[in-house]
Amino acid sequence: MSAIQILGLEKTYTIGFWRKRPKRALRPLHLAVEEGEIFGFLGPNGAGKTTTLKLLMGLVSPTAGSARILGIDANDPRVKAQIGFLPEQPYFYDYLTARELLEYYGQLSGIPAKDRGGKVEAMLQRVGLPDAGDIQLRKFSKGMLQRVGIAQAILHDPKVVFLDEPMSGLDPMGRREVRDLIEQLKKEGKTVFFSTHILSDAEALCDRVAIIHLGELRSVGVVADLTSSMHGKVELIWQGAVVPASIRALGAECHLSADTMRAVLAEDKQDAAIDALRREKLRLVSITPVRATLEDYFLQNLRSENAPSEVMA
């Protein structure tokens, strides 16, 4: 059974002074997320990521379509006890301490009073804030607030966790800690659906990703499958600082490093580049395939403004 089923969700806002001009924030979206997977929802600012999450959470009403979470309609109150949510810009009562905030959310989530204190302490430990429980949130850094936000989202042990830009504003150490926490949730059998524009994090974490742009789903699939569809590149390294004009004419990106030259070019132009080096009597040091990254695929996909949508299973 799919943990999340999105069935033609669509959202159109009316904007302008008289609210007569329609703005389509999300085109009909069809998407399925399997149980126990980490699913990345990728796109630039304004792509429709947050709109989709708000629709799934019931914070805004769809223009058309529906969604199911754990086989139940997303608007059914029974679903709320099974999901956790961290918005992109959460607002917490900043005069509360971290412990008081989690106590509050634990009560809202229906955690029995006899269990609440222990769960709160365990959660502070889990998100790396064991010594910050009695500090007011107004004194927290961005990274600490993000960890408290994740703590409130998973405090009640939900089966599906939704995170909107969970790495936003974090330093490298904070991003690594959040990544480790997401991986731990997967090990516990939970489904994690998170949006991000930090592609390296998505590439490292996700079982599958979807790319959305201008409210339209562009592609969905395993990262390795998506990137393998791109034309390959190779890196050539040769001795010296000379770049033959014929190699530059092949579209190579050349960089001098110490006493060697590095050039990256399309794989199908490799033989022509080797011939050029041979003619110039330059000594070839190595030839290395360059794997396409998720960032390469992402940028190519967004540049294809007029290309038809590609959806991969």
C-alpha atoms as a PDB file:
ATOM      1  CA  MET A   1       0.000   0.000   0.000  1.00  0.00           C
ATOM      2  CA  SER A   2       1.222   3.482  -0.811  1.00  0.00           C
ATOM      3  CA  ALA A   3       1.767   5.702   2.210  1.00  0.00           C
ATOM      4  CA  ILE A   4       0.769   8.795   0.213  1.00  0.00           C
ATOM      5  CA  GLN A   5      -1.437   8.926  -2.872  1.00  0.00           C
ATOM      6  CA  ILE A   6      -1.944  12.259  -4.606  1.00  0.00           C
ATOM      7  CA  LEU A   7      -4.779  12.071  -7.103  1.00  0.00           C
ATOM      8  CA  GLY A   8      -4.941  15.092  -9.377  1.00  0.00           C
ATOM      9  CA  LEU A   9      -4.423  17.724  -6.688  1.00  0.00           C
ATOM     10  CA  GLU A  10      -4.710  21.200  -8.161  1.00  0.00           C
ATOM     11  CA  LYS A  11      -4.666  24.697  -6.670  1.00  0.00           C
ATOM     12  CA  THR A  12      -5.552  28.009  -8.291  1.00  0.00           C
ATOM     13  CA  TYR A  13      -5.489  31.248  -6.318  1.00  0.00           C
ATOM     14  CA  THR A  14      -7.187  34.497  -7.263  1.00  0.00           C
ATOM     15  CA  ILE A  15      -4.904  37.522  -7.009  1.00  0.00           C
ATOM     16  CA  GLY A  16      -5.020  41.233  -7.762  1.00  0.00           C
ATOM     17  CA  PHE A  17      -6.882  44.133  -6.176  1.00  0.00           C
ATOM     18  CA  TRP A  18     -10.332  42.683  -6.905  1.00  0.00           C
ATOM     19  CA  ARG A  19      -9.102  39.076  -6.745  1.00  0.00           C
ATOM     20  CA  LYS A  20     -10.239  38.442 -10.291  1.00  0.00           C
ATOM     21  CA  ARG A  21      -6.974  37.242 -11.812  1.00  0.00           C
ATOM     22  CA  PRO A  22      -6.331  33.487 -11.419  1.00  0.00           C
ATOM     23  CA  LYS A  23      -2.847  32.204 -10.597  1.00  0.00           C
ATOM     24  CA  ARG A  24      -2.249  28.493 -10.975  1.00  0.00           C
ATOM     25  CA  ALA A  25       0.048  27.401  -8.155  1.00  0.00           C
ATOM     26  CA  LEU A  26      -0.292  23.658  -8.755  1.00  0.00           C
ATOM     27  CA  ARG A  27      -1.330  21.862 -11.917  1.00  0.00           C
ATOM     28  CA  PRO A  28      -3.067  18.470 -11.581  1.00  0.00           C
ATOM     29  CA  LEU A  29      -0.559  16.401  -9.595  1.00  0.00           C
ATOM     30  CA  HIS A  30      -0.531  12.612  -9.571  1.00  0.00           C
ATOM     31  CA  LEU A  31       2.051  11.039  -7.292  1.00  0.00           C
ATOM     32  CA  ALA A  32       2.497   7.968  -5.085  1.00  0.00           C
ATOM     33  CA  VAL A  33       4.963   7.541  -2.214  1.00  0.00           C
ATOM     34  CA  GLU A  34       5.563   4.028  -0.912  1.00  0.00           C
ATOM     35  CA  GLU A  35       5.664   3.051   2.749  1.00  0.00           C
ATOM     36  CA  GLY A  36       9.062   3.242   4.391  1.00  0.00           C
ATOM     37  CA  GLU A  37      10.811   5.340   1.763  1.00  0.00           C
ATOM     38  CA  ILE A  38      12.493   8.727   1.938  1.00  0.00           C
ATOM     39  CA  PHE A  39      10.955  10.787  -0.826  1.00  0.00           C
ATOM     40  CA  GLY A  40      12.409  14.114  -1.938  1.00  0.00           C
ATOM     41  CA  PHE A  41      10.175  16.785  -3.447  1.00  0.00           C
ATOM     42  CA  LEU A  42      12.467  19.126  -5.352  1.00  0.00           C
ATOM     43  CA  GLY A  43      12.024  22.434  -7.099  1.00  0.00           C
ATOM     44  CA  PRO A  44      13.105  26.075  -7.122  1.00  0.00           C
ATOM     45  CA  ASN A  45      11.378  28.741  -5.042  1.00  0.00           C
ATOM     46  CA  GLY A  46       7.787  29.176  -6.174  1.00  0.00           C
ATOM     47  CA  ALA A  47       7.618  25.751  -7.808  1.00  0.00           C
ATOM     48  CA  GLY A  48       4.616  24.567  -5.769  1.00  0.00           C
ATOM     49  CA  LYS A  49       6.346  22.477  -3.084  1.00  0.00           C
ATOM     50  CA  THR A  50       4.893  24.283  -0.059  1.00  0.00           C
ATOM     51  CA  THR A  51       1.469  24.513  -1.712  1.00  0.00           C
ATOM     52  CA  THR A  52       1.470  20.732  -2.131  1.00  0.00           C
ATOM     53  CA  LEU A  53       2.391  20.179   1.511  1.00  0.00           C
ATOM     54  CA  LYS A  54      -0.287  22.601   2.704  1.00  0.00           C
ATOM     55  CA  LEU A  55      -2.859  20.738   0.621  1.00  0.00           C
ATOM     56  CA  LEU A  56      -1.775  17.410   2.111  1.00  0.00           C
ATOM     57  CA  MET A  57      -1.954  18.866   5.623  1.00  0.00           C
ATOM     58  CA  GLY A  58      -5.414  20.329   5.015  1.00  0.00           C
ATOM     59  CA  LEU A  59      -4.175  23.885   5.638  1.00  0.00           C
ATOM     60  CA  VAL A  60      -5.592  25.025   2.291  1.00  0.00           C
ATOM     61  CA  SER A  61      -8.387  23.551   0.199  1.00  0.00           C
ATOM     62  CA  PRO A  62      -7.677  22.143  -3.269  1.00  0.00           C
ATOM     63  CA  THR A  63      -9.304  23.543  -6.387  1.00  0.00           C
ATOM     64  CA  ALA A  64      -9.606  19.966  -7.611  1.00  0.00           C
ATOM     65  CA  GLY A  65      -8.332  16.496  -6.834  1.00  0.00           C
ATOM     66  CA  SER A  66      -7.795  14.579  -3.613  1.00  0.00           C
ATOM     67  CA  ALA A  67      -5.141  12.772  -1.587  1.00  0.00           C
ATOM     68  CA  ARG A  68      -4.961   9.716   0.635  1.00  0.00           C
ATOM     69  CA  ILE A  69      -2.504   9.079   3.462  1.00  0.00           C
ATOM     70  CA  LEU A  70      -2.154   5.498   4.745  1.00  0.00           C
ATOM     71  CA  GLY A  71      -5.213   4.621   2.703  1.00  0.00           C
ATOM     72  CA  ILE A  72      -7.410   7.228   4.396  1.00  0.00           C
ATOM     73  CA  ASP A  73      -8.619  10.518   2.934  1.00  0.00           C
ATOM     74  CA  ALA A  74      -6.115  13.239   3.854  1.00  0.00           C
ATOM     75  CA  ASN A  75      -8.876  15.359   5.401  1.00  0.00           C
ATOM     76  CA  ASP A  76     -10.081  12.583   7.711  1.00  0.00           C
ATOM     77  CA  PRO A  77      -9.300  13.507  11.359  1.00  0.00           C
ATOM     78  CA  ARG A  78      -7.993   9.967  11.952  1.00  0.00           C
ATOM     79  CA  VAL A  79      -5.036  10.732   9.682  1.00  0.00           C
ATOM     80  CA  LYS A  80      -3.789  13.588  11.856  1.00  0.00           C
ATOM     81  CA  ALA A  81      -2.664  11.260  14.633  1.00  0.00           C
ATOM     82  CA  GLN A  82      -0.511   9.327  12.153  1.00  0.00           C
ATOM     83  CA  ILE A  83       1.403  12.218  10.579  1.00  0.00           C
ATOM     84  CA  GLY A  84       3.999  14.745  11.714  1.00  0.00           C
ATOM     85  CA  PHE A  85       4.676  18.070  10.006  1.00  0.00           C
ATOM     86  CA  LEU A  86       7.415  20.682  10.078  1.00  0.00           C
ATOM     87  CA  PRO A  87       6.539  23.802   8.027  1.00  0.00           C
ATOM     88  CA  GLU A  88       9.213  25.798   6.230  1.00  0.00           C
ATOM     89  CA  GLN A  89       8.925  28.776   8.567  1.00  0.00           C
ATOM     90  CA  PRO A  90       7.434  27.487  11.820  1.00  0.00           C
ATOM     91  CA  TYR A  91       6.289  29.961  14.446  1.00  0.00           C
ATOM     92  CA  PHE A  92       6.715  28.867  18.030  1.00  0.00           C
ATOM     93  CA  TYR A  93       5.825  30.782  21.197  1.00  0.00           C
ATOM     94  CA  ASP A  94       9.303  32.081  21.833  1.00  0.00           C
ATOM     95  CA  TYR A  95       8.758  32.786  25.539  1.00  0.00           C
ATOM     96  CA  LEU A  96       8.394  29.038  26.130  1.00  0.00           C
ATOM     97  CA  THR A  97      11.347  26.773  26.781  1.00  0.00           C
ATOM     98  CA  ALA A  98      12.018  23.805  24.503  1.00  0.00           C
ATOM     99  CA  ARG A  99      10.695  21.436  27.176  1.00  0.00           C
ATOM    100  CA  GLU A 100       7.500  23.467  27.657  1.00  0.00           C
ATOM    101  CA  LEU A 101       6.910  23.610  23.905  1.00  0.00           C
ATOM    102  CA  LEU A 102       7.231  19.862  23.511  1.00  0.00           C
ATOM    103  CA  GLU A 103       4.998  19.290  26.546  1.00  0.00           C
ATOM    104  CA  TYR A 104       2.402  21.492  24.846  1.00  0.00           C
ATOM    105  CA  TYR A 105       2.617  19.631  21.530  1.00  0.00           C
ATOM    106  CA  GLY A 106       2.583  16.306  23.345  1.00  0.00           C
ATOM    107  CA  GLN A 107      -0.702  17.267  24.989  1.00  0.00           C
ATOM    108  CA  LEU A 108      -2.149  18.390  21.638  1.00  0.00           C
ATOM    109  CA  SER A 109      -1.098  15.063  20.129  1.00  0.00           C
ATOM    110  CA  GLY A 110      -2.901  13.077  22.802  1.00  0.00           C
ATOM    111  CA  ILE A 111       0.140  11.619  24.544  1.00  0.00           C
ATOM    112  CA  PRO A 112      -0.971  10.500  28.044  1.00  0.00           C
ATOM    113  CA  ALA A 113       0.306  12.722  30.882  1.00  0.00           C
ATOM    114  CA  LYS A 114       2.119   9.806  32.545  1.00  0.00           C
ATOM    115  CA  ASP A 115       4.186   9.189  29.385  1.00  0.00           C
ATOM    116  CA  ARG A 116       4.654  12.767  28.252  1.00  0.00           C
ATOM    117  CA  GLY A 117       7.612  13.765  30.404  1.00  0.00           C
ATOM    118  CA  GLY A 118       9.665  10.742  29.436  1.00  0.00           C
ATOM    119  CA  LYS A 119       8.919  11.186  25.741  1.00  0.00           C
ATOM    120  CA  VAL A 120       9.901  14.858  25.874  1.00  0.00           C
ATOM    121  CA  GLU A 121      13.230  14.091  27.548  1.00  0.00           C
ATOM    122  CA  ALA A 122      13.954  11.305  25.069  1.00  0.00           C
ATOM    123  CA  MET A 123      13.128  13.608  22.162  1.00  0.00           C
ATOM    124  CA  LEU A 124      15.389  16.402  23.403  1.00  0.00           C
ATOM    125  CA  GLN A 125      18.177  13.845  23.601  1.00  0.00           C
ATOM    126  CA  ARG A 126      17.400  12.539  20.137  1.00  0.00           C
ATOM    127  CA  VAL A 127      17.585  15.909  18.393  1.00  0.00           C
ATOM    128  CA  GLY A 128      20.758  16.920  20.192  1.00  0.00           C
ATOM    129  CA  LEU A 129      19.282  19.357  22.724  1.00  0.00           C
ATOM    130  CA  PRO A 130      19.598  17.497  26.049  1.00  0.00           C
ATOM    131  CA  ASP A 131      21.051  20.535  27.834  1.00  0.00           C
ATOM    132  CA  ALA A 132      18.821  23.157  26.207  1.00  0.00           C
ATOM    133  CA  GLY A 133      15.433  22.040  27.517  1.00  0.00           C
ATOM    134  CA  ASP A 134      15.086  24.944  29.952  1.00  0.00           C
ATOM    135  CA  ILE A 135      16.248  27.700  27.574  1.00  0.00           C
ATOM    136  CA  GLN A 136      13.637  30.008  26.055  1.00  0.00           C
ATOM    137  CA  LEU A 137      13.194  29.564  22.318  1.00  0.00           C
ATOM    138  CA  ARG A 138      13.914  33.251  21.695  1.00  0.00           C
ATOM    139  CA  LYS A 139      17.529  32.485  22.631  1.00  0.00           C
ATOM    140  CA  PHE A 140      17.826  29.593  20.180  1.00  0.00           C
ATOM    141  CA  SER A 141      19.807  29.711  16.937  1.00  0.00           C
ATOM    142  CA  LYS A 142      18.177  28.858  13.612  1.00  0.00           C
ATOM    143  CA  GLY A 143      19.612  25.355  13.762  1.00  0.00           C
ATOM    144  CA  MET A 144      18.358  24.759  17.295  1.00  0.00           C
ATOM    145  CA  LEU A 145      14.859  25.953  16.354  1.00  0.00           C
ATOM    146  CA  GLN A 146      14.897  23.602  13.365  1.00  0.00           C
ATOM    147  CA  ARG A 147      15.746  20.692  15.648  1.00  0.00           C
ATOM    148  CA  VAL A 148      12.931  21.629  18.037  1.00  0.00           C
ATOM    149  CA  GLY A 149      10.624  21.767  15.005  1.00  0.00           C
ATOM    150  CA  ILE A 150      11.603  18.253  13.987  1.00  0.00           C
ATOM    151  CA  ALA A 151      11.168  17.097  17.581  1.00  0.00           C
ATOM    152  CA  GLN A 152       7.557  18.310  17.710  1.00  0.00           C
ATOM    153  CA  ALA A 153       6.878  16.649  14.352  1.00  0.00           C
ATOM    154  CA  ILE A 154       7.966  13.178  15.531  1.00  0.00           C
ATOM    155  CA  LEU A 155       7.168  13.394  19.260  1.00  0.00           C
ATOM    156  CA  HIS A 156       3.956  11.361  18.943  1.00  0.00           C
ATOM    157  CA  ASP A 157       5.671   8.622  16.860  1.00  0.00           C
ATOM    158  CA  PRO A 158       3.831   9.244  13.552  1.00  0.00           C
ATOM    159  CA  LYS A 159       3.979   6.785  10.650  1.00  0.00           C
ATOM    160  CA  VAL A 160       4.434   9.500   8.004  1.00  0.00           C
ATOM    161  CA  VAL A 161       6.575  12.605   8.482  1.00  0.00           C
ATOM    162  CA  PHE A 162       6.327  15.697   6.265  1.00  0.00           C
ATOM    163  CA  LEU A 163       9.225  18.168   6.372  1.00  0.00           C
ATOM    164  CA  ASP A 164       9.205  21.413   4.393  1.00  0.00           C
ATOM    165  CA  GLU A 165      12.807  22.559   3.714  1.00  0.00           C
ATOM    166  CA  PRO A 166      14.210  20.902   6.876  1.00  0.00           C
ATOM    167  CA  MET A 167      17.834  21.857   6.022  1.00  0.00           C
ATOM    168  CA  SER A 168      17.098  25.491   5.237  1.00  0.00           C
ATOM    169  CA  GLY A 169      19.420  27.898   7.046  1.00  0.00           C
ATOM    170  CA  LEU A 170      21.470  25.173   8.722  1.00  0.00           C
ATOM    171  CA  ASP A 171      25.264  25.053   8.791  1.00  0.00           C
ATOM    172  CA  PRO A 172      27.030  21.902   7.463  1.00  0.00           C
ATOM    173  CA  MET A 173      27.037  20.278  10.911  1.00  0.00           C
ATOM    174  CA  GLY A 174      23.333  20.979  11.414  1.00  0.00           C
ATOM    175  CA  ARG A 175      22.489  19.607   7.968  1.00  0.00           C
ATOM    176  CA  ARG A 176      24.405  16.434   8.715  1.00  0.00           C
ATOM    177  CA  GLU A 177      22.545  15.972  12.008  1.00  0.00           C
ATOM    178  CA  VAL A 178      19.171  16.395  10.302  1.00  0.00           C
ATOM    179  CA  ARG A 179      20.205  13.951   7.574  1.00  0.00           C
ATOM    180  CA  ASP A 180      21.194  11.387  10.204  1.00  0.00           C
ATOM    181  CA  LEU A 181      17.847  11.875  11.947  1.00  0.00           C
ATOM    182  CA  ILE A 182      15.908  11.354   8.692  1.00  0.00           C
ATOM    183  CA  GLU A 183      17.885   8.171   7.991  1.00  0.00           C
ATOM    184  CA  GLN A 184      17.046   6.939  11.496  1.00  0.00           C
ATOM    185  CA  LEU A 185      13.336   7.536  10.869  1.00  0.00           C
ATOM    186  CA  LYS A 186      13.571   5.367   7.759  1.00  0.00           C
ATOM    187  CA  LYS A 187      15.257   2.589   9.797  1.00  0.00           C
ATOM    188  CA  GLU A 188      12.259   2.723  12.139  1.00  0.00           C
ATOM    189  CA  GLY A 189       9.972   2.043   9.179  1.00  0.00           C
ATOM    190  CA  LYS A 190       8.563   5.537   8.857  1.00  0.00           C
ATOM    191  CA  THR A 191       7.833   7.279   5.566  1.00  0.00           C
ATOM    192  CA  VAL A 192       9.530  10.659   5.152  1.00  0.00           C
ATOM    193  CA  PHE A 193       8.322  13.150   2.548  1.00  0.00           C
ATOM    194  CA  PHE A 194      10.451  16.277   2.465  1.00  0.00           C
ATOM    195  CA  SER A 195      10.825  19.228   0.151  1.00  0.00           C
ATOM    196  CA  THR A 196      14.167  20.870  -0.471  1.00  0.00           C
ATOM    197  CA  HIS A 197      16.240  22.836  -2.929  1.00  0.00           C
ATOM    198  CA  ILE A 198      19.525  21.524  -1.460  1.00  0.00           C
ATOM    199  CA  LEU A 199      20.125  18.878  -4.091  1.00  0.00           C
ATOM    200  CA  SER A 200      23.178  17.252  -2.507  1.00  0.00           C
ATOM    201  CA  ASP A 201      21.096  16.359   0.559  1.00  0.00           C
ATOM    202  CA  ALA A 202      18.353  14.880  -1.603  1.00  0.00           C
ATOM    203  CA  GLU A 203      20.884  12.864  -3.605  1.00  0.00           C
ATOM    204  CA  ALA A 204      22.447  11.461  -0.430  1.00  0.00           C
ATOM    205  CA  LEU A 205      19.175  10.664   1.358  1.00  0.00           C
ATOM    206  CA  CYS A 206      16.343   9.847  -0.999  1.00  0.00           C
ATOM    207  CA  ASP A 207      15.102   6.524  -2.308  1.00  0.00           C
ATOM    208  CA  ARG A 208      13.224   8.491  -4.970  1.00  0.00           C
ATOM    209  CA  VAL A 209      12.755  12.130  -5.884  1.00  0.00           C
ATOM    210  CA  ALA A 210      10.236  14.179  -7.806  1.00  0.00           C
ATOM    211  CA  ILE A 211      10.996  17.454  -9.569  1.00  0.00           C
ATOM    212  CA  ILE A 212       8.305  20.111  -9.763  1.00  0.00           C
ATOM    213  CA  HIS A 213       8.551  23.412 -11.631  1.00  0.00           C
ATOM    214  CA  LEU A 214       5.934  26.138 -12.165  1.00  0.00           C
ATOM    215  CA  GLY A 215       3.382  23.894 -10.456  1.00  0.00           C
ATOM    216  CA  GLU A 216       3.958  21.003 -12.874  1.00  0.00           C
ATOM    217  CA  LEU A 217       5.533  17.635 -12.161  1.00  0.00           C
ATOM    218  CA  ARG A 218       8.561  17.277 -14.427  1.00  0.00           C
ATOM    219  CA  SER A 219       9.920  13.863 -13.416  1.00  0.00           C
ATOM    220  CA  VAL A 220       9.942  11.277 -10.663  1.00  0.00           C
ATOM    221  CA  GLY A 221      12.210   8.316 -10.067  1.00  0.00           C
ATOM    222  CA  VAL A 222      15.331   6.898  -8.470  1.00  0.00           C
ATOM    223  CA  VAL A 223      18.221   9.391  -8.615  1.00  0.00           C
ATOM    224  CA  ALA A 224      20.546   6.933 -10.392  1.00  0.00           C
ATOM    225  CA  ASP A 225      17.914   6.238 -13.054  1.00  0.00           C
ATOM    226  CA  LEU A 226      17.239   9.926 -13.659  1.00  0.00           C
ATOM    227  CA  THR A 227      20.896  10.910 -13.951  1.00  0.00           C
ATOM    228  CA  SER A 228      21.774   7.918 -16.168  1.00  0.00           C
ATOM    229  CA  SER A 229      19.476   9.341 -18.846  1.00  0.00           C
ATOM    230  CA  MET A 230      21.887  12.254 -19.346  1.00  0.00           C
ATOM    231  CA  HIS A 231      24.732  12.201 -21.848  1.00  0.00           C
ATOM    232  CA  GLY A 232      27.947  11.131 -20.131  1.00  0.00           C
ATOM    233  CA  LYS A 233      31.091  13.197 -19.745  1.00  0.00           C
ATOM    234  CA  VAL A 234      34.742  12.336 -19.274  1.00  0.00           C
ATOM    235  CA  GLU A 235      37.636  14.120 -17.618  1.00  0.00           C
ATOM    236  CA  LEU A 236      40.986  14.125 -19.408  1.00  0.00           C
ATOM    237  CA  ILE A 237      44.194  15.071 -17.573  1.00  0.00           C
ATOM    238  CA  TRP A 238      47.442  15.716 -19.419  1.00  0.00           C
ATOM    239  CA  GLN A 239      50.887  17.010 -18.554  1.00  0.00           C
ATOM    240  CA  GLY A 240      51.604  20.713 -19.138  1.00  0.00           C
ATOM    241  CA  ALA A 241      49.657  23.956 -19.319  1.00  0.00           C
ATOM    242  CA  VAL A 242      48.911  23.940 -23.070  1.00  0.00           C
ATOM    243  CA  VAL A 243      45.317  23.574 -24.317  1.00  0.00           C
ATOM    244  CA  PRO A 244      45.113  22.772 -28.039  1.00  0.00           C
ATOM    245  CA  ALA A 245      42.603  24.945 -29.874  1.00  0.00           C
ATOM    246  CA  SER A 246      40.985  21.825 -31.310  1.00  0.00           C
ATOM    247  CA  ILE A 247      40.123  20.651 -27.767  1.00  0.00           C
ATOM    248  CA  ARG A 248      38.547  23.998 -26.886  1.00  0.00           C
ATOM    249  CA  ALA A 249      36.569  23.701 -30.126  1.00  0.00           C
ATOM    250  CA  LEU A 250      35.080  20.461 -28.773  1.00  0.00           C
ATOM    251  CA  GLY A 251      33.432  22.468 -25.956  1.00  0.00           C
ATOM    252  CA  ALA A 252      35.782  21.260 -23.241  1.00  0.00           C
ATOM    253  CA  GLU A 253      35.876  22.986 -19.845  1.00  0.00           C
ATOM    254  CA  CYS A 254      39.581  23.361 -19.094  1.00  0.00           C
ATOM    255  CA  HIS A 255      41.281  24.080 -15.758  1.00  0.00           C
ATOM    256  CA  LEU A 256      44.977  24.290 -14.900  1.00  0.00           C
ATOM    257  CA  SER A 257      45.975  22.434 -11.715  1.00  0.00           C
ATOM    258  CA  ALA A 258      49.660  22.691 -10.717  1.00  0.00           C
ATOM    259  CA  ASP A 259      51.555  21.330 -13.759  1.00  0.00           C
ATOM    260  CA  THR A 260      48.624  19.414 -15.276  1.00  0.00           C
ATOM    261  CA  MET A 261      45.599  20.453 -17.323  1.00  0.00           C
ATOM    262  CA  ARG A 262      42.120  19.057 -16.684  1.00  0.00           C
ATOM    263  CA  ALA A 263      39.388  19.093 -19.333  1.00  0.00           C
ATOM    264  CA  VAL A 264      35.791  17.896 -19.030  1.00  0.00           C
ATOM    265  CA  LEU A 265      33.929  17.211 -22.274  1.00  0.00           C
ATOM    266  CA  ALA A 266      31.201  15.036 -23.749  1.00  0.00           C
ATOM    267  CA  GLU A 267      31.977  11.323 -23.826  1.00  0.00           C
ATOM    268  CA  ASP A 268      31.402  11.057 -27.581  1.00  0.00           C
ATOM    269  CA  LYS A 269      34.194  13.610 -28.159  1.00  0.00           C
ATOM    270  CA  GLN A 270      36.777  11.677 -26.175  1.00  0.00           C
ATOM    271  CA  ASP A 271      38.528  10.109 -29.200  1.00  0.00           C
ATOM    272  CA  ALA A 272      38.818  13.454 -30.979  1.00  0.00           C
ATOM    273  CA  ALA A 273      40.396  15.002 -27.875  1.00  0.00           C
ATOM    274  CA  ILE A 274      42.912  12.154 -27.549  1.00  0.00           C
ATOM    275  CA  ASP A 275      43.861  12.587 -31.212  1.00  0.00           C
ATOM    276  CA  ALA A 276      44.418  16.323 -30.594  1.00  0.00           C
ATOM    277  CA  LEU A 277      46.720  15.589 -27.645  1.00  0.00           C
ATOM    278  CA  ARG A 278      48.648  13.063 -29.731  1.00  0.00           C
ATOM    279  CA  ARG A 279      49.159  15.593 -32.534  1.00  0.00           C
ATOM    280  CA  GLU A 280      50.464  18.147 -30.044  1.00  0.00           C
ATOM    281  CA  LYS A 281      52.707  15.482 -28.443  1.00  0.00           C
ATOM    282  CA  LEU A 282      51.148  16.097 -25.009  1.00  0.00           C
ATOM    283  CA  ARG A 283      51.339  13.245 -22.500  1.00  0.00           C
ATOM    284  CA  LEU A 284      47.938  11.934 -21.382  1.00  0.00           C
ATOM    285  CA  VAL A 285      47.831  11.188 -17.644  1.00  0.00           C
ATOM    286  CA  SER A 286      44.311   9.795 -17.168  1.00  0.00           C
ATOM    287  CA  ILE A 287      40.778   9.477 -18.523  1.00  0.00           C
ATOM    288  CA  THR A 288      37.967   9.301 -15.955  1.00  0.00           C
ATOM    289  CA  PRO A 289      34.184   9.029 -16.523  1.00  0.00           C
ATOM    290  CA  VAL A 290      32.265  11.874 -14.866  1.00  0.00           C
ATOM    291  CA  ARG A 291      28.971  10.765 -13.344  1.00  0.00           C
ATOM    292  CA  ALA A 292      26.064  13.141 -13.858  1.00  0.00           C
ATOM    293  CA  THR A 293      24.750  14.559 -10.587  1.00  0.00           C
ATOM    294  CA  LEU A 294      21.211  15.293  -9.509  1.00  0.00           C
ATOM    295  CA  GLU A 295      22.073  18.986  -9.857  1.00  0.00           C
ATOM    296  CA  ASP A 296      23.008  18.428 -13.525  1.00  0.00           C
ATOM    297  CA  TYR A 297      19.711  16.648 -14.158  1.00  0.00           C
ATOM    298  CA  PHE A 298      17.740  19.248 -12.219  1.00  0.00           C
ATOM    299  CA  LEU A 299      19.188  22.185 -14.146  1.00  0.00           C
ATOM    300  CA  GLN A 300      18.737  20.478 -17.498  1.00  0.00           C
ATOM    301  CA  ASN A 301      15.130  19.696 -16.627  1.00  0.00           C
ATOM    302  CA  LEU A 302      14.345  23.272 -15.632  1.00  0.00           C
ATOM    303  CA  ARG A 303      15.998  24.705 -18.730  1.00  0.00           C
ATOM    304  CA  SER A 304      13.705  22.611 -20.913  1.00  0.00           C
ATOM    305  CA  GLU A 305      10.826  25.036 -20.455  1.00  0.00           C
ATOM    306  CA  ASN A 306       9.035  23.889 -23.569  1.00  0.00           C
ATOM    307  CA  ALA A 307       9.906  20.213 -23.286  1.00  0.00           C
ATOM    308  CA  PRO A 308       7.079  17.751 -22.558  1.00  0.00           C
ATOM    309  CA  SER A 309       6.837  16.452 -19.025  1.00  0.00           C
ATOM    310  CA  GLU A 310       8.768  13.245 -18.349  1.00  0.00           C
ATOM    311  CA  VAL A 311       7.383  10.908 -15.735  1.00  0.00           C
ATOM    312  CA  MET A 312       9.352   7.797 -14.837  1.00  0.00           C
ATOM    313  CA  ALA A 313       8.187   4.992 -12.593  1.00  0.00           C
END
